[in-house]
């Protein structure tokens, strides 16, 4: 996976954003019910507002992304995503082309995520208070999965 800054910057919903492109080319093999190869090319355009933060900022924790947490691919992904600036992703456009096994047809997926009507407000602390009769507990953790071979 590679992260590259795309120029020029632009404006999305009145916010100055940097345009970054994440390109992911990789192959993998899977052995669930049958053995097949998977090749994937994904290109995502990320429009990040540097002067805004909040829900939707950043990418999911790599520990939550599946069994390949410590794989070569996961390390390359962390490195690429680490190049992106801190800010709010107000627009993401991704196109992925996957091919499963030799001779099988390709699958193309497109996805657009857009945040709009963004407002930053201060919520009163009472909103986050634990209601009477409830107890705060730690979130459950997933067991570590073995790295793919």
Foldseek 3Di string as FASTA:
>chain_A
DAKDWDDDWDADQNATWTKIKDWDWDKDWDVDPHIKIKTKIKIKIWTFRQVADDPQWADDDLQPVDQQSPPPRNVVVCVRSVPDHTGHGAKMWMWMWMDIHPPGDIDIDIDMDGDPPDDDDDDDPVVVDDDPPDDDDDDDDDDHHHHDD
